[in-house]
Amino acid sequence: MSNPPSATPISLQARGISKSFTSGRVVSTVLHNITLDIRPGELTLISGPSGCGKSTLLAILSGLQAPDQGGVTALGQNLEGLDARALERFRLQHTGFVFQGFNLFPALTALQQVELPLSYLGLTAKDAQRRAIQALEEVGLGPRMRLRPAELSGGEKQRVAIARAVAKEPELLFADEPTSALDAANGQIVIDILHRIARTHGTTVLCVSHDPRLVSHVDRVLSIEDGRILNDHTPPPRPANAAGIKEHLA
């Protein structure tokens, strides 16, 4: 008798997630009973209009916020079962974050920006530098690693932020509106980099955006409206264009 095929691994799981916010006497429910499974090695887009609850969902899935109801399991770990210190340690060791505003330090070079969080992981200065250089080269910024944010374009700043997240070698990578401050060309470069990270590192990449241009560049789209998942679909595959990406990153 042959063994049954192994189940597809689930790296991130939400069950019955609900979240409300109170302002004075007004209670607004932003998420309604969200249940989903996210797999490693895929770039998943959470799409929807502003105010639909997608950033709140990302914050809960990443452990930055707690749900009012339901639970999140990340890499087999129940996040609700962790105290504040254990949750902070989990995020440090297993997650990376990319935000809309880059969050770079003006006085630090690109290399120093990427090295900084690695020191909290206990890496030696030599190992931190090696890993930081490797991450910057992966996003096409090797020749510009000694420059500071004022000397970089918006697209390059976001690629530094991605390198900073990737250098930690996280299993989970969360990106909140990573292309909204960028033009179309740089937005495509950033989303292609995130896609390649998912593929080559086996990373679970979860991206929130209301940018419709991204839909054709991802593996899966979760469409949210009024705090509910209205659609969960896989876009048709795009023709490989690795040469084009390399040309952009050169």
Protein backbone atom coordinates (compact mmCIF):
# COMPACT_ATOMS: atom_id res chain seq x y z
CA MET A 1 0.00 0.00 0.00
CA SER A 2 1.42 3.36 -1.00
CA ASN A 3 1.71 6.15 1.49
CA PRO A 4 -0.75 9.04 1.08
CA PRO A 5 0.77 12.25 -0.30
CA SER A 6 1.95 14.65 2.37
CA ALA A 7 -0.27 17.64 2.98
CA THR A 8 0.83 21.03 1.67
CA PRO A 9 2.49 22.85 4.59
CA ILE A 10 0.72 25.82 6.13
CA SER A 11 2.98 28.53 7.51
CA LEU A 12 0.30 31.00 8.59
CA GLN A 13 -3.22 30.16 9.68
CA ALA A 14 -6.10 32.36 10.86
CA ARG A 15 -9.30 30.99 12.33
CA GLY A 16 -12.38 33.15 13.00
CA ILE A 17 -10.49 36.46 13.25
CA SER A 18 -12.66 39.44 14.25
CA LYS A 19 -11.55 42.91 15.31
CA SER A 20 -13.39 46.08 16.36
CA PHE A 21 -12.29 49.56 17.36
CA THR A 22 -14.14 51.95 19.66
CA SER A 23 -14.27 55.72 19.24
CA GLY A 24 -16.42 57.34 21.91
CA ARG A 25 -19.73 55.47 21.79
CA VAL A 26 -19.18 54.20 18.26
CA VAL A 27 -17.93 50.63 17.79
CA SER A 28 -16.64 49.84 14.29
CA THR A 29 -16.01 46.23 13.33
CA VAL A 30 -13.18 46.13 10.80
CA LEU A 31 -12.75 42.34 10.46
CA HIS A 32 -15.55 39.78 10.44
CA ASN A 33 -14.73 36.12 11.12
CA ILE A 34 -11.69 35.84 8.80
CA THR A 35 -10.40 32.31 8.21
CA LEU A 36 -7.50 31.55 5.86
CA ASP A 37 -4.36 29.48 5.30
CA ILE A 38 -1.14 30.88 3.80
CA ARG A 39 1.56 28.62 2.35
CA PRO A 40 5.34 29.08 2.17
CA GLY A 41 7.04 29.99 -1.07
CA GLU A 42 4.14 32.13 -2.27
CA LEU A 43 3.51 35.85 -2.60
CA THR A 44 -0.04 36.51 -1.41
CA LEU A 45 -1.67 39.89 -2.00
CA ILE A 46 -4.37 41.20 0.36
CA SER A 47 -6.21 43.65 -1.86
CA GLY A 48 -9.05 46.05 -1.29
CA PRO A 49 -10.08 49.70 -0.97
CA SER A 50 -8.74 51.98 1.75
CA GLY A 51 -10.38 51.30 5.10
CA CYS A 52 -11.50 47.76 4.27
CA GLY A 53 -9.48 46.17 7.10
CA LYS A 54 -6.52 44.76 5.15
CA SER A 55 -3.79 46.51 7.17
CA THR A 56 -5.49 45.48 10.42
CA LEU A 57 -5.52 41.88 9.16
CA LEU A 58 -1.80 42.09 8.35
CA ALA A 59 -1.08 43.48 11.83
CA ILE A 60 -2.97 40.62 13.47
CA LEU A 61 -1.37 37.93 11.29
CA SER A 62 2.08 39.30 12.13
CA GLY A 63 1.41 39.50 15.86
CA LEU A 64 1.51 43.31 16.04
CA GLN A 65 -2.12 43.37 17.16
CA ALA A 66 -4.32 40.84 18.94
CA PRO A 67 -7.73 39.87 17.58
CA ASP A 68 -10.89 40.31 19.64
CA GLN A 69 -11.97 36.81 18.61
CA GLY A 70 -10.28 33.91 16.86
CA GLY A 71 -6.64 32.96 16.73
CA VAL A 72 -3.49 33.00 14.59
CA THR A 73 -1.01 30.15 14.26
CA ALA A 74 2.33 31.12 12.72
CA LEU A 75 4.94 28.46 11.96
CA GLY A 76 3.02 26.10 14.24
CA GLN A 77 3.06 28.59 17.12
CA ASN A 78 -0.20 29.91 18.61
CA LEU A 79 0.49 33.65 18.86
CA GLU A 80 -2.24 34.19 21.49
CA GLY A 81 -0.33 31.81 23.77
CA LEU A 82 2.77 34.02 23.85
CA ASP A 83 3.38 36.78 26.37
CA ALA A 84 4.69 40.16 25.18
CA ARG A 85 8.37 39.23 25.48
CA ALA A 86 7.97 35.86 23.75
CA LEU A 87 5.95 37.49 20.96
CA GLU A 88 8.62 40.13 20.44
CA ARG A 89 11.26 37.41 20.28
CA PHE A 90 9.18 35.44 17.79
CA ARG A 91 8.89 38.47 15.49
CA LEU A 92 12.62 39.18 15.78
CA GLN A 93 13.65 35.65 14.89
CA HIS A 94 11.04 34.65 12.32
CA THR A 95 9.50 37.72 10.68
CA GLY A 96 10.51 40.62 8.47
CA PHE A 97 8.55 43.83 7.80
CA VAL A 98 8.49 46.26 4.88
CA PHE A 99 6.44 49.44 5.24
CA GLN A 100 5.19 52.19 2.96
CA GLY A 101 7.43 54.85 4.49
CA PHE A 102 10.77 52.95 4.22
CA ASN A 103 11.67 53.73 7.91
CA LEU A 104 15.34 54.37 7.17
CA PHE A 105 17.77 56.30 9.40
CA PRO A 106 19.04 59.43 7.59
CA ALA A 107 22.59 59.21 8.98
CA LEU A 108 23.21 55.54 8.12
CA THR A 109 24.40 54.10 4.83
CA ALA A 110 22.37 51.40 3.09
CA LEU A 111 24.80 48.81 4.42
CA GLN A 112 24.49 50.08 8.00
CA GLN A 113 20.68 50.11 7.73
CA VAL A 114 20.69 46.41 6.88
CA GLU A 115 23.36 45.48 9.44
CA LEU A 116 21.55 47.15 12.37
CA PRO A 117 18.78 44.59 13.09
CA LEU A 118 21.21 41.71 12.63
CA SER A 119 23.08 42.79 15.76
CA TYR A 120 19.94 42.01 17.79
CA LEU A 121 20.04 38.44 16.48
CA GLY A 122 23.45 37.95 18.06
CA LEU A 123 25.48 37.83 14.82
CA THR A 124 29.09 38.90 14.92
CA ALA A 125 29.95 42.15 13.13
CA LYS A 126 31.64 40.14 10.35
CA ASP A 127 28.69 37.83 9.82
CA ALA A 128 26.24 40.75 9.95
CA GLN A 129 28.21 42.60 7.28
CA ARG A 130 28.44 39.52 5.06
CA ARG A 131 24.71 38.86 5.29
CA ALA A 132 23.87 42.55 4.76
CA ILE A 133 26.03 42.76 1.63
CA GLN A 134 24.44 39.59 0.27
CA ALA A 135 20.93 40.99 0.84
CA LEU A 136 21.75 44.32 -0.82
CA GLU A 137 23.26 42.55 -3.80
CA GLU A 138 20.11 40.43 -4.06
CA VAL A 139 17.97 43.55 -4.51
CA GLY A 140 20.44 45.09 -6.96
CA LEU A 141 22.02 47.68 -4.64
CA GLY A 142 25.52 46.25 -4.22
CA PRO A 143 27.17 49.24 -5.95
CA ARG A 144 25.18 51.73 -3.85
CA MET A 145 25.53 50.19 -0.40
CA ARG A 146 27.71 53.05 0.91
CA LEU A 147 25.11 55.73 0.11
CA ARG A 148 22.72 57.33 2.59
CA PRO A 149 18.94 57.70 2.07
CA ALA A 150 19.23 61.29 0.76
CA GLU A 151 21.38 59.94 -2.08
CA LEU A 152 18.91 57.19 -3.07
CA SER A 153 15.71 57.28 -5.09
CA GLY A 154 12.38 56.22 -3.59
CA GLY A 155 12.59 52.84 -5.29
CA GLU A 156 16.12 52.31 -4.00
CA LYS A 157 15.07 53.25 -0.45
CA GLN A 158 12.33 50.62 -0.56
CA ARG A 159 14.82 48.04 -1.85
CA VAL A 160 17.08 48.87 1.13
CA ALA A 161 14.08 48.26 3.40
CA ILE A 162 13.47 44.91 1.69
CA ALA A 163 17.13 43.97 2.05
CA ARG A 164 16.98 44.86 5.76
CA ALA A 165 14.02 42.51 6.19
CA VAL A 166 15.47 39.70 4.05
CA ALA A 167 18.89 39.78 5.72
CA LYS A 168 17.27 38.33 8.86
CA GLU A 169 16.34 35.26 6.75
CA PRO A 170 12.74 35.31 8.03
CA GLU A 171 10.26 32.57 7.29
CA LEU A 172 7.48 35.19 7.23
CA LEU A 173 7.75 38.50 5.38
CA PHE A 174 5.01 41.14 5.75
CA ALA A 175 4.77 44.13 3.40
CA ASP A 176 2.26 46.93 4.06
CA GLU A 177 1.63 49.08 0.95
CA PRO A 178 5.25 48.66 -0.25
CA THR A 179 4.63 50.29 -3.66
CA SER A 180 2.18 53.09 -2.88
CA ALA A 181 4.91 55.77 -2.75
CA LEU A 182 6.54 54.55 -5.97
CA ASP A 183 5.93 55.07 -9.67
CA ALA A 184 4.82 52.17 -11.88
CA ALA A 185 8.32 51.06 -12.90
CA ASN A 186 9.74 51.03 -9.37
CA GLY A 187 6.57 49.45 -8.03
CA GLN A 188 6.99 46.57 -10.46
CA ILE A 189 10.63 46.12 -9.47
CA VAL A 190 9.70 45.95 -5.78
CA ILE A 191 6.89 43.43 -6.26
CA ASP A 192 9.08 41.31 -8.55
CA ILE A 193 11.78 41.26 -5.84
CA LEU A 194 9.23 40.15 -3.24
CA HIS A 195 8.02 37.43 -5.61
CA ARG A 196 11.57 36.21 -6.19
CA ILE A 197 12.24 36.14 -2.44
CA ALA A 198 9.21 33.90 -1.94
CA ARG A 199 10.38 31.58 -4.70
CA THR A 200 14.10 31.35 -3.96
CA HIS A 201 13.98 31.42 -0.14
CA GLY A 202 10.71 29.55 0.38
CA THR A 203 9.54 32.56 2.37
CA THR A 204 5.88 33.22 3.08
CA VAL A 205 5.37 36.74 1.71
CA LEU A 206 2.15 38.54 2.58
CA CYS A 207 1.60 41.92 0.94
CA VAL A 208 -1.17 44.44 1.59
CA SER A 209 -2.00 46.90 -1.18
CA HIS A 210 -4.87 48.68 -2.89
CA ASP A 211 -2.71 49.03 -6.04
CA PRO A 212 -4.45 47.07 -8.84
CA ARG A 213 -1.19 46.92 -10.82
CA LEU A 214 0.14 44.28 -8.46
CA VAL A 215 -2.53 41.67 -9.10
CA SER A 216 -0.83 40.12 -12.13
CA HIS A 217 2.51 39.87 -10.28
CA VAL A 218 1.48 37.67 -7.35
CA ASP A 219 0.62 34.00 -6.74
CA ARG A 220 -2.64 34.57 -4.90
CA VAL A 221 -5.07 37.43 -4.32
CA LEU A 222 -7.33 37.77 -1.29
CA SER A 223 -9.88 40.49 -2.06
CA ILE A 224 -11.28 42.15 1.07
CA GLU A 225 -14.19 44.52 1.41
CA ASP A 226 -15.87 45.71 4.60
CA GLY A 227 -13.73 43.35 6.68
CA ARG A 228 -14.67 40.18 4.81
CA ILE A 229 -12.84 38.08 2.22
CA LEU A 230 -14.97 38.36 -0.91
CA ASN A 231 -12.70 36.48 -3.28
CA ASP A 232 -9.68 34.17 -3.07
CA HIS A 233 -8.15 33.46 -6.47
CA THR A 234 -4.95 32.65 -8.31
CA PRO A 235 -4.09 35.03 -11.17
CA PRO A 236 -2.98 33.49 -14.48
CA PRO A 237 0.79 32.92 -14.59
CA ARG A 238 2.92 35.67 -16.09
CA PRO A 239 5.59 34.91 -18.70
CA ALA A 240 9.00 34.69 -17.04
CA ASN A 241 10.95 37.91 -17.45
CA ALA A 242 14.05 37.34 -15.36
CA ALA A 243 16.21 39.15 -17.89
CA GLY A 244 13.98 42.21 -17.63
CA ILE A 245 14.18 42.20 -13.84
CA LYS A 246 17.96 41.90 -13.93
CA GLU A 247 18.07 44.82 -16.37
CA HIS A 248 16.00 46.95 -13.98
CA LEU A 249 18.27 46.04 -11.06
CA ALA A 250 21.52 46.68 -12.89
